[in-house]
């Protein structure tokens, strides 16, 4: 979106070369930015759900998820603490999304409810939140596209509509150019 916006501004201010340079510069900058190496919570929840539904314990499922995602430092820390001191201590040792996950697992284990159902509900909530955020971004797209459309499409449309009549009017005013 930024590349399109800056490309349209560059096109309006300096022509096609500046427009391509602005759009290319923003695109190159976006590829250069470092991405987060930690995966989100959804793949971890999927691994946990598969492991729990296959009959493994909560601790064994957490260990398998930590093995599957070695780059996730919070999950590895929570799994190590849960192995030594239990899930309640692991909740206190972690932060963020993993803390919420471990607290829900500990609560389900203490209450005796289905742990796999808890993980499934967390997964469905994560999917619903992601879908809602994408829908909100999609609803805001017309507002964000107003400037590029007005800078790129409307001038060309005005030329296409008015240029023939203006050329004919100019030819009628000046007479034939032979």
N, C-alpha and C. Protein backbone atom coordinates (compact mmCIF):
# COMPACT_ATOMS: atom_id res chain seq x y z
N UNK A 1 0.83 -1.18 0.00
CA UNK A 1 0.00 0.00 0.00
C UNK A 1 0.88 1.25 0.00
N UNK A 2 1.94 1.23 0.80
CA UNK A 2 2.84 2.38 0.84
C UNK A 2 3.54 2.57 -0.50
N UNK A 3 3.90 1.46 -1.14
CA UNK A 3 4.56 1.56 -2.43
C UNK A 3 3.63 2.18 -3.46
N UNK A 4 2.37 1.80 -3.44
CA UNK A 4 1.40 2.36 -4.37
C UNK A 4 1.18 3.84 -4.12
N UNK A 5 1.07 4.21 -2.86
CA UNK A 5 0.85 5.61 -2.51
C UNK A 5 2.05 6.48 -2.89
N UNK A 6 3.26 6.06 -2.52
CA UNK A 6 4.44 6.85 -2.86
C UNK A 6 4.72 6.82 -4.35
N UNK A 7 4.42 5.70 -5.00
CA UNK A 7 4.58 5.64 -6.46
C UNK A 7 3.64 6.60 -7.16
N UNK A 8 2.40 6.70 -6.68
CA UNK A 8 1.45 7.63 -7.31
C UNK A 8 1.86 9.08 -7.05
N UNK A 9 2.35 9.37 -5.85
CA UNK A 9 2.83 10.73 -5.58
C UNK A 9 4.05 11.06 -6.43
N UNK A 10 4.96 10.12 -6.57
CA UNK A 10 6.14 10.33 -7.41
C UNK A 10 5.77 10.50 -8.86
N UNK A 11 4.75 9.77 -9.31
CA UNK A 11 4.28 9.90 -10.68
C UNK A 11 3.66 11.27 -10.91
N UNK A 12 2.90 11.74 -9.96
CA UNK A 12 2.25 13.04 -10.11
C UNK A 12 3.27 14.18 -10.04
N UNK A 13 4.32 14.02 -9.24
CA UNK A 13 5.27 15.11 -9.05
C UNK A 13 6.41 15.10 -10.07
N UNK A 14 6.88 13.92 -10.44
CA UNK A 14 8.07 13.90 -11.27
C UNK A 14 8.00 13.00 -12.49
N UNK A 15 6.87 12.45 -12.77
CA UNK A 15 6.75 11.63 -13.96
C UNK A 15 6.96 10.15 -13.66
N UNK A 16 6.99 9.37 -14.74
CA UNK A 16 7.06 7.91 -14.57
C UNK A 16 8.34 7.42 -13.89
N UNK A 17 9.46 8.07 -14.17
CA UNK A 17 10.71 7.60 -13.57
C UNK A 17 10.72 7.79 -12.07
N UNK A 18 10.27 8.94 -11.59
CA UNK A 18 10.22 9.16 -10.15
C UNK A 18 9.18 8.26 -9.50
N UNK A 19 8.07 8.02 -10.18
CA UNK A 19 7.05 7.11 -9.64
C UNK A 19 7.59 5.71 -9.46
N UNK A 20 8.31 5.20 -10.48
CA UNK A 20 8.91 3.87 -10.37
C UNK A 20 9.99 3.83 -9.30
N UNK A 21 10.76 4.90 -9.19
CA UNK A 21 11.83 4.94 -8.17
C UNK A 21 11.23 4.92 -6.77
N UNK A 22 10.17 5.69 -6.54
CA UNK A 22 9.54 5.71 -5.21
C UNK A 22 8.93 4.36 -4.88
N UNK A 23 8.18 3.79 -5.82
CA UNK A 23 7.54 2.49 -5.56
C UNK A 23 8.59 1.40 -5.37
N UNK A 24 9.66 1.41 -6.17
CA UNK A 24 10.71 0.42 -6.04
C UNK A 24 11.48 0.56 -4.74
N UNK A 25 11.70 1.80 -4.30
CA UNK A 25 12.41 2.02 -3.04
C UNK A 25 11.63 1.51 -1.85
N UNK A 26 10.33 1.75 -1.84
CA UNK A 26 9.50 1.26 -0.73
C UNK A 26 9.43 -0.26 -0.76
N UNK A 27 9.31 -0.84 -1.96
CA UNK A 27 9.25 -2.31 -2.06
C UNK A 27 10.57 -2.93 -1.60
N UNK A 28 11.69 -2.33 -1.97
CA UNK A 28 12.98 -2.86 -1.54
C UNK A 28 13.15 -2.72 -0.03
N UNK A 29 12.67 -1.63 0.54
CA UNK A 29 12.75 -1.45 1.99
C UNK A 29 11.91 -2.47 2.72
N UNK A 30 10.74 -2.80 2.20
CA UNK A 30 9.88 -3.77 2.88
C UNK A 30 10.47 -5.17 2.83
N UNK A 31 11.23 -5.50 1.78
CA UNK A 31 11.87 -6.81 1.73
C UNK A 31 13.07 -6.87 2.65
N UNK A 32 13.67 -5.72 2.93
CA UNK A 32 14.87 -5.68 3.74
C UNK A 32 14.58 -5.74 5.23
N UNK A 33 13.36 -5.38 5.64
CA UNK A 33 13.03 -5.34 7.06
C UNK A 33 13.12 -6.74 7.67
N UNK A 34 13.70 -6.86 8.84
CA UNK A 34 13.75 -8.18 9.48
C UNK A 34 12.38 -8.59 9.98
N UNK A 35 12.03 -9.81 9.73
CA UNK A 35 10.76 -10.36 10.19
C UNK A 35 10.97 -11.06 11.52
N UNK A 36 9.90 -11.21 12.27
CA UNK A 36 9.97 -11.90 13.55
C UNK A 36 10.21 -13.39 13.29
N UNK A 37 11.17 -13.95 13.99
CA UNK A 37 11.49 -15.36 13.77
C UNK A 37 10.57 -16.29 14.57
N UNK A 38 9.90 -15.74 15.58
CA UNK A 38 9.02 -16.58 16.37
C UNK A 38 7.68 -16.76 15.67
N UNK A 39 7.22 -18.00 15.58
CA UNK A 39 5.91 -18.21 14.96
C UNK A 39 4.81 -17.71 15.89
N UNK A 40 3.65 -17.49 15.34
CA UNK A 40 2.52 -17.08 16.15
C UNK A 40 2.04 -18.24 17.01
N UNK A 41 0.95 -18.03 17.67
CA UNK A 41 0.43 -19.04 18.59
C UNK A 41 -0.35 -20.13 17.86
N UNK A 42 -0.86 -19.83 16.68
CA UNK A 42 -1.71 -20.80 15.98
C UNK A 42 -1.00 -22.12 15.66
N UNK A 43 0.23 -22.12 15.10
CA UNK A 43 0.88 -23.40 14.84
C UNK A 43 1.16 -24.19 16.12
N UNK A 44 1.46 -23.47 17.19
CA UNK A 44 1.70 -24.14 18.48
C UNK A 44 0.41 -24.79 18.96
N UNK A 45 -0.69 -24.07 18.83
CA UNK A 45 -1.98 -24.64 19.23
C UNK A 45 -2.35 -25.86 18.40
N UNK A 46 -2.03 -25.83 17.12
CA UNK A 46 -2.31 -26.99 16.27
C UNK A 46 -1.51 -28.21 16.71
N UNK A 47 -0.22 -28.01 16.99
CA UNK A 47 0.61 -29.13 17.46
C UNK A 47 0.09 -29.65 18.79
N UNK A 48 -0.25 -28.74 19.70
CA UNK A 48 -0.79 -29.17 20.99
C UNK A 48 -2.09 -29.95 20.83
N UNK A 49 -2.95 -29.48 19.96
CA UNK A 49 -4.24 -30.16 19.76
C UNK A 49 -4.04 -31.56 19.20
N UNK A 50 -3.15 -31.70 18.24
CA UNK A 50 -2.89 -33.03 17.68
C UNK A 50 -2.29 -33.95 18.74
N UNK A 51 -1.35 -33.44 19.50
CA UNK A 51 -0.71 -34.25 20.53
C UNK A 51 -1.69 -34.64 21.64
N UNK A 52 -2.52 -33.69 22.06
CA UNK A 52 -3.48 -34.00 23.13
C UNK A 52 -4.56 -34.97 22.67
N UNK A 53 -4.99 -34.83 21.44
CA UNK A 53 -6.01 -35.75 20.93
C UNK A 53 -5.46 -37.14 20.64
N UNK A 54 -4.14 -37.24 20.52
CA UNK A 54 -3.55 -38.56 20.31
C UNK A 54 -3.34 -39.30 21.63
N UNK A 55 -3.66 -38.63 22.75
CA UNK A 55 -3.60 -39.31 24.02
C UNK A 55 -2.42 -38.94 24.88
N UNK A 56 -1.61 -38.02 24.47
CA UNK A 56 -0.46 -37.62 25.27
C UNK A 56 -0.89 -36.73 26.42
N UNK A 57 -0.04 -36.62 27.40
CA UNK A 57 -0.31 -35.73 28.53
C UNK A 57 -0.02 -34.28 28.11
N UNK A 58 -0.43 -33.37 28.97
CA UNK A 58 -0.21 -31.95 28.68
C UNK A 58 1.29 -31.65 28.61
N UNK A 59 2.04 -32.20 29.53
CA UNK A 59 3.48 -31.96 29.56
C UNK A 59 4.16 -32.54 28.32
N UNK A 60 3.77 -33.75 27.92
CA UNK A 60 4.35 -34.35 26.72
C UNK A 60 3.98 -33.56 25.47
N UNK A 61 2.75 -33.04 25.41
CA UNK A 61 2.34 -32.22 24.27
C UNK A 61 3.13 -30.91 24.23
N UNK A 62 3.36 -30.30 25.39
CA UNK A 62 4.15 -29.08 25.44
C UNK A 62 5.60 -29.34 25.01
N UNK A 63 6.14 -30.48 25.45
CA UNK A 63 7.51 -30.82 25.05
C UNK A 63 7.61 -31.04 23.54
N UNK A 64 6.61 -31.68 22.97
CA UNK A 64 6.61 -31.90 21.53
C UNK A 64 6.48 -30.58 20.77
N UNK A 65 5.66 -29.66 21.29
CA UNK A 65 5.52 -28.35 20.65
C UNK A 65 6.82 -27.57 20.76
N UNK A 66 7.52 -27.67 21.88
CA UNK A 66 8.80 -26.99 22.04
C UNK A 66 9.85 -27.57 21.09
N UNK A 67 9.78 -28.87 20.85
CA UNK A 67 10.70 -29.49 19.88
C UNK A 67 10.35 -29.03 18.46
N UNK A 68 9.05 -28.92 18.16
CA UNK A 68 8.63 -28.53 16.82
C UNK A 68 8.96 -27.07 16.51
N UNK A 69 9.00 -26.21 17.53
CA UNK A 69 9.29 -24.79 17.34
C UNK A 69 10.48 -24.39 18.21
N UNK A 70 11.70 -24.73 17.79
CA UNK A 70 12.87 -24.43 18.63
C UNK A 70 13.18 -22.95 18.71
N UNK A 71 12.68 -22.13 17.79
CA UNK A 71 12.96 -20.69 17.82
C UNK A 71 12.07 -19.94 18.80
N UNK A 72 11.05 -20.59 19.31
CA UNK A 72 10.11 -19.91 20.22
C UNK A 72 10.66 -20.01 21.64
N UNK A 73 11.32 -18.95 22.09
CA UNK A 73 12.03 -18.97 23.37
C UNK A 73 11.07 -19.06 24.56
N UNK A 74 9.94 -18.36 24.50
CA UNK A 74 8.98 -18.38 25.61
C UNK A 74 8.39 -19.78 25.80
N UNK A 75 8.10 -20.45 24.70
CA UNK A 75 7.55 -21.80 24.79
C UNK A 75 8.58 -22.76 25.38
N UNK A 76 9.82 -22.64 24.97
CA UNK A 76 10.87 -23.50 25.51
C UNK A 76 11.06 -23.26 27.00
N UNK A 77 11.03 -21.98 27.41
CA UNK A 77 11.16 -21.65 28.82
C UNK A 77 9.98 -22.21 29.62
N UNK A 78 8.78 -22.01 29.11
CA UNK A 78 7.59 -22.52 29.80
C UNK A 78 7.60 -24.03 29.91
N UNK A 79 8.07 -24.71 28.88
CA UNK A 79 8.13 -26.17 28.92
C UNK A 79 9.16 -26.66 29.93
N UNK A 80 10.32 -26.01 29.98
CA UNK A 80 11.34 -26.41 30.95
C UNK A 80 10.85 -26.21 32.38
N UNK A 81 10.21 -25.07 32.64
CA UNK A 81 9.72 -24.81 33.99
C UNK A 81 8.58 -25.76 34.33
N UNK A 82 7.71 -26.03 33.36
CA UNK A 82 6.59 -26.96 33.61
C UNK A 82 7.10 -28.37 33.88
N UNK A 83 8.19 -28.76 33.25
CA UNK A 83 8.75 -30.08 33.48
C UNK A 83 9.29 -30.20 34.90
N UNK A 84 9.90 -29.15 35.41
CA UNK A 84 10.51 -29.21 36.74
C UNK A 84 9.50 -28.90 37.84
N UNK A 85 8.76 -27.79 37.70
CA UNK A 85 7.92 -27.29 38.78
C UNK A 85 6.42 -27.38 38.55
N UNK A 86 5.99 -27.73 37.36
CA UNK A 86 4.56 -27.81 37.07
C UNK A 86 4.05 -26.62 36.27
N UNK A 87 2.81 -26.74 35.78
CA UNK A 87 2.24 -25.71 34.92
C UNK A 87 2.03 -24.38 35.64
N UNK A 88 1.66 -24.43 36.91
CA UNK A 88 1.42 -23.18 37.65
C UNK A 88 2.68 -22.34 37.74
N UNK A 89 3.81 -22.96 37.95
CA UNK A 89 5.08 -22.23 37.99
C UNK A 89 5.47 -21.74 36.61
N UNK A 90 5.10 -22.51 35.58
CA UNK A 90 5.42 -22.10 34.20
C UNK A 90 4.63 -20.86 33.80
N UNK A 91 3.42 -20.73 34.34
CA UNK A 91 2.62 -19.54 34.06
C UNK A 91 3.32 -18.30 34.59
N UNK A 92 3.89 -18.40 35.78
CA UNK A 92 4.57 -17.26 36.39
C UNK A 92 5.87 -16.92 35.67
N UNK A 93 6.51 -17.91 35.04
CA UNK A 93 7.81 -17.69 34.41
C UNK A 93 7.71 -17.12 33.00
N UNK A 94 6.55 -17.20 32.36
CA UNK A 94 6.42 -16.77 30.98
C UNK A 94 5.63 -15.47 30.88
N UNK A 95 5.62 -14.92 29.67
CA UNK A 95 4.90 -13.69 29.40
C UNK A 95 4.15 -13.82 28.08
N UNK A 96 3.23 -12.88 27.83
CA UNK A 96 2.57 -12.78 26.54
C UNK A 96 1.59 -13.90 26.25
N UNK A 97 1.56 -14.31 24.98
CA UNK A 97 0.60 -15.31 24.52
C UNK A 97 0.84 -16.67 25.16
N UNK A 98 2.11 -17.01 25.36
CA UNK A 98 2.43 -18.31 25.95
C UNK A 98 1.93 -18.36 27.39
N UNK A 99 2.02 -17.26 28.10
CA UNK A 99 1.51 -17.20 29.48
C UNK A 99 0.01 -17.46 29.49
N UNK A 100 -0.72 -16.83 28.56
CA UNK A 100 -2.16 -17.05 28.48
C UNK A 100 -2.47 -18.51 28.15
N UNK A 101 -1.73 -19.08 27.22
CA UNK A 101 -1.93 -20.49 26.86
C UNK A 101 -1.68 -21.40 28.04
N UNK A 102 -0.56 -21.19 28.74
CA UNK A 102 -0.24 -22.05 29.87
C UNK A 102 -1.22 -21.88 31.02
N UNK A 103 -1.72 -20.66 31.22
CA UNK A 103 -2.71 -20.46 32.28
C UNK A 103 -4.02 -21.16 31.95
N UNK A 104 -4.41 -21.15 30.70
CA UNK A 104 -5.62 -21.87 30.30
C UNK A 104 -5.43 -23.38 30.44
N UNK A 105 -4.26 -23.87 30.08
CA UNK A 105 -3.99 -25.30 30.23
C UNK A 105 -3.98 -25.70 31.71
N UNK A 106 -3.36 -24.88 32.55
CA UNK A 106 -3.31 -25.18 33.99
C UNK A 106 -4.71 -25.13 34.59
N UNK A 107 -5.51 -24.16 34.18
CA UNK A 107 -6.88 -24.06 34.69
C UNK A 107 -7.71 -25.28 34.28
N UNK A 108 -7.56 -25.71 33.02
CA UNK A 108 -8.31 -26.88 32.56
C UNK A 108 -7.85 -28.14 33.28
N UNK A 109 -6.57 -28.24 33.53
CA UNK A 109 -6.05 -29.43 34.21
C UNK A 109 -6.49 -29.45 35.68
N UNK A 110 -6.49 -28.29 36.35
CA UNK A 110 -6.92 -28.22 37.74
C UNK A 110 -8.41 -28.53 37.88
N UNK A 111 -9.22 -27.99 36.94
CA UNK A 111 -10.67 -28.17 37.06
C UNK A 111 -11.13 -29.54 36.59
N UNK A 112 -10.30 -30.23 35.84
CA UNK A 112 -10.67 -31.55 35.37
C UNK A 112 -11.41 -31.53 34.04
N UNK A 113 -11.51 -30.37 33.41
CA UNK A 113 -12.19 -30.30 32.11
C UNK A 113 -11.25 -30.80 31.01
N UNK A 114 -11.79 -30.94 29.83
CA UNK A 114 -11.02 -31.46 28.71
C UNK A 114 -9.98 -30.44 28.26
N UNK A 115 -8.72 -30.85 28.30
CA UNK A 115 -7.64 -29.96 27.91
C UNK A 115 -7.63 -29.77 26.40
N UNK A 116 -7.94 -30.83 25.66
CA UNK A 116 -7.97 -30.71 24.20
C UNK A 116 -9.11 -29.77 23.76
N UNK A 117 -10.21 -29.78 24.48
CA UNK A 117 -11.32 -28.85 24.17
C UNK A 117 -10.89 -27.42 24.45
N UNK A 118 -10.14 -27.21 25.51
CA UNK A 118 -9.63 -25.87 25.82
C UNK A 118 -8.70 -25.38 24.72
N UNK A 119 -7.81 -26.24 24.26
CA UNK A 119 -6.88 -25.86 23.19
C UNK A 119 -7.65 -25.59 21.90
N UNK A 120 -8.68 -26.40 21.62
CA UNK A 120 -9.49 -26.19 20.42
C UNK A 120 -10.22 -24.85 20.49
N UNK A 121 -10.74 -24.50 21.67
CA UNK A 121 -11.42 -23.21 21.83
C UNK A 121 -10.43 -22.05 21.68
N UNK A 122 -9.22 -22.20 22.20
CA UNK A 122 -8.20 -21.17 22.01
C UNK A 122 -7.84 -21.00 20.54
N UNK A 123 -7.76 -22.12 19.83
CA UNK A 123 -7.46 -22.09 18.40
C UNK A 123 -8.59 -21.41 17.63
N UNK A 124 -9.83 -21.75 17.95
CA UNK A 124 -10.97 -21.12 17.27
C UNK A 124 -11.04 -19.63 17.58
N UNK A 125 -10.71 -19.24 18.80
CA UNK A 125 -10.69 -17.82 19.15
C UNK A 125 -9.61 -17.09 18.39
N UNK A 126 -8.44 -17.70 18.25
CA UNK A 126 -7.35 -17.09 17.50
C UNK A 126 -7.73 -16.92 16.03
N UNK A 127 -8.37 -17.93 15.45
CA UNK A 127 -8.80 -17.84 14.06
C UNK A 127 -9.86 -16.76 13.89
N UNK A 128 -10.81 -16.68 14.83
CA UNK A 128 -11.85 -15.66 14.75
C UNK A 128 -11.28 -14.25 14.89
N UNK A 129 -10.30 -14.08 15.78
CA UNK A 129 -9.67 -12.76 15.94
C UNK A 129 -8.91 -12.36 14.68
N UNK A 130 -8.21 -13.32 14.08
CA UNK A 130 -7.48 -13.05 12.85
C UNK A 130 -8.44 -12.69 11.72
N UNK A 131 -9.53 -13.43 11.62
CA UNK A 131 -10.53 -13.15 10.59
C UNK A 131 -11.15 -11.77 10.79
N UNK A 132 -11.43 -11.40 12.04
CA UNK A 132 -12.02 -10.08 12.31
C UNK A 132 -11.04 -8.96 11.96
N UNK A 133 -9.76 -9.14 12.27
CA UNK A 133 -8.79 -8.10 11.93
C UNK A 133 -8.61 -7.97 10.42
N UNK A 134 -8.62 -9.09 9.71
CA UNK A 134 -8.52 -9.03 8.25
C UNK A 134 -9.75 -8.38 7.64
N UNK A 135 -10.90 -8.68 8.19
CA UNK A 135 -12.14 -8.07 7.70
C UNK A 135 -12.14 -6.57 7.95
N UNK A 136 -11.63 -6.14 9.10
CA UNK A 136 -11.55 -4.71 9.40
C UNK A 136 -10.58 -4.02 8.45
N UNK A 137 -9.47 -4.68 8.14
CA UNK A 137 -8.53 -4.11 7.16
C UNK A 137 -9.14 -4.04 5.78
N UNK A 138 -9.92 -5.05 5.40
CA UNK A 138 -10.56 -5.05 4.09
C UNK A 138 -11.64 -3.97 4.01
N UNK A 139 -12.32 -3.71 5.11
CA UNK A 139 -13.34 -2.66 5.10
C UNK A 139 -12.71 -1.28 5.00
N UNK A 140 -11.51 -1.12 5.47
CA UNK A 140 -10.82 0.17 5.38
C UNK A 140 -10.09 0.38 4.07
N UNK A 141 -10.09 -0.61 3.20
CA UNK A 141 -9.36 -0.52 1.94
C UNK A 141 -9.88 0.58 1.01
N UNK A 142 -11.19 0.78 0.85
CA UNK A 142 -11.63 1.87 -0.03
C UNK A 142 -11.13 3.24 0.41
N UNK A 143 -11.06 3.47 1.69
CA UNK A 143 -10.59 4.76 2.18
C UNK A 143 -9.10 4.92 1.88
N UNK A 144 -8.33 3.85 2.04
CA UNK A 144 -6.90 3.94 1.77
C UNK A 144 -6.59 4.04 0.29
N UNK A 145 -7.48 3.57 -0.57
CA UNK A 145 -7.24 3.62 -2.01
C UNK A 145 -7.75 4.89 -2.66
N UNK A 146 -8.38 5.78 -1.91
CA UNK A 146 -8.91 7.00 -2.51
C UNK A 146 -7.82 7.87 -3.11
N UNK A 147 -6.72 8.04 -2.42
CA UNK A 147 -5.65 8.91 -2.91
C UNK A 147 -4.98 8.32 -4.15
N UNK A 148 -4.58 7.04 -4.15
CA UNK A 148 -3.97 6.52 -5.39
C UNK A 148 -4.93 6.53 -6.57
N UNK A 149 -6.18 6.23 -6.33
CA UNK A 149 -7.14 6.23 -7.44
C UNK A 149 -7.33 7.64 -7.97
N UNK A 150 -7.44 8.60 -7.05
CA UNK A 150 -7.66 9.97 -7.51
C UNK A 150 -6.42 10.53 -8.20
N UNK A 151 -5.23 10.10 -7.82
CA UNK A 151 -4.01 10.60 -8.46
C UNK A 151 -3.67 9.87 -9.75
N UNK A 152 -4.05 8.61 -9.86
CA UNK A 152 -3.66 7.83 -11.04
C UNK A 152 -4.78 7.68 -12.07
N UNK A 153 -5.98 7.36 -11.63
CA UNK A 153 -7.04 7.06 -12.58
C UNK A 153 -7.82 8.28 -13.03
N UNK A 154 -8.15 9.17 -12.13
CA UNK A 154 -8.99 10.29 -12.49
C UNK A 154 -8.35 11.24 -13.51
N UNK A 155 -7.06 11.58 -13.42
CA UNK A 155 -6.50 12.44 -14.47
C UNK A 155 -6.56 11.80 -15.86
N UNK A 156 -6.27 10.52 -15.93
CA UNK A 156 -6.37 9.83 -17.22
C UNK A 156 -7.79 9.76 -17.73
N UNK A 157 -8.73 9.55 -16.85
CA UNK A 157 -10.13 9.51 -17.25
C UNK A 157 -10.60 10.88 -17.74
N UNK A 158 -10.17 11.92 -17.07
CA UNK A 158 -10.55 13.28 -17.51
C UNK A 158 -9.95 13.58 -18.88
N UNK A 159 -8.70 13.18 -19.12
CA UNK A 159 -8.10 13.37 -20.44
C UNK A 159 -8.84 12.58 -21.50
N UNK A 160 -9.22 11.38 -21.18
CA UNK A 160 -9.93 10.54 -22.14
C UNK A 160 -11.29 11.12 -22.49
N UNK A 161 -11.95 11.69 -21.52
CA UNK A 161 -13.29 12.22 -21.76
C UNK A 161 -13.24 13.60 -22.43
N UNK A 162 -12.40 14.50 -21.92
CA UNK A 162 -12.44 15.89 -22.37
C UNK A 162 -11.46 16.22 -23.49
N UNK A 163 -10.42 15.44 -23.70
CA UNK A 163 -9.41 15.78 -24.71
C UNK A 163 -9.98 15.87 -26.12
N UNK A 164 -10.79 14.93 -26.60
CA UNK A 164 -11.30 15.07 -27.97
C UNK A 164 -12.14 16.33 -28.17
N UNK A 165 -12.99 16.64 -27.21
CA UNK A 165 -13.82 17.83 -27.38
C UNK A 165 -12.98 19.10 -27.29
N UNK A 166 -11.96 19.12 -26.41
CA UNK A 166 -11.09 20.28 -26.33
C UNK A 166 -10.26 20.46 -27.60
N UNK A 167 -9.79 19.37 -28.18
CA UNK A 167 -9.03 19.46 -29.44
C UNK A 167 -9.92 19.96 -30.57
N UNK A 168 -11.16 19.49 -30.63
CA UNK A 168 -12.09 19.95 -31.66
C UNK A 168 -12.40 21.43 -31.47
N UNK A 169 -12.62 21.87 -30.22
CA UNK A 169 -12.89 23.27 -29.93
C UNK A 169 -11.69 24.14 -30.29
N UNK A 170 -10.49 23.66 -29.99
CA UNK A 170 -9.29 24.40 -30.33
C UNK A 170 -9.13 24.49 -31.84
N UNK A 171 -9.45 23.39 -32.55
CA UNK A 171 -9.39 23.40 -34.02
C UNK A 171 -10.42 24.35 -34.61
N UNK A 172 -11.58 24.46 -34.04
CA UNK A 172 -12.61 25.37 -34.53
C UNK A 172 -12.21 26.82 -34.29
N UNK A 173 -11.53 27.10 -33.20
CA UNK A 173 -11.13 28.47 -32.88
C UNK A 173 -9.96 28.95 -33.75
N UNK A 174 -9.01 28.08 -34.03
CA UNK A 174 -7.83 28.50 -34.77
C UNK A 174 -7.96 28.29 -36.26
N UNK A 175 -8.85 27.44 -36.66
CA UNK A 175 -8.99 27.15 -38.08
C UNK A 175 -8.08 26.00 -38.47
N UNK A 176 -8.14 25.59 -39.74
CA UNK A 176 -7.30 24.48 -40.19
C UNK A 176 -5.83 24.88 -40.19
N UNK A 177 -4.98 23.91 -39.83
CA UNK A 177 -3.52 24.13 -39.75
C UNK A 177 -2.81 23.56 -40.96
N UNK A 178 -3.15 23.97 -42.15
CA UNK A 178 -2.47 23.47 -43.33
C UNK A 178 -1.59 24.44 -43.99
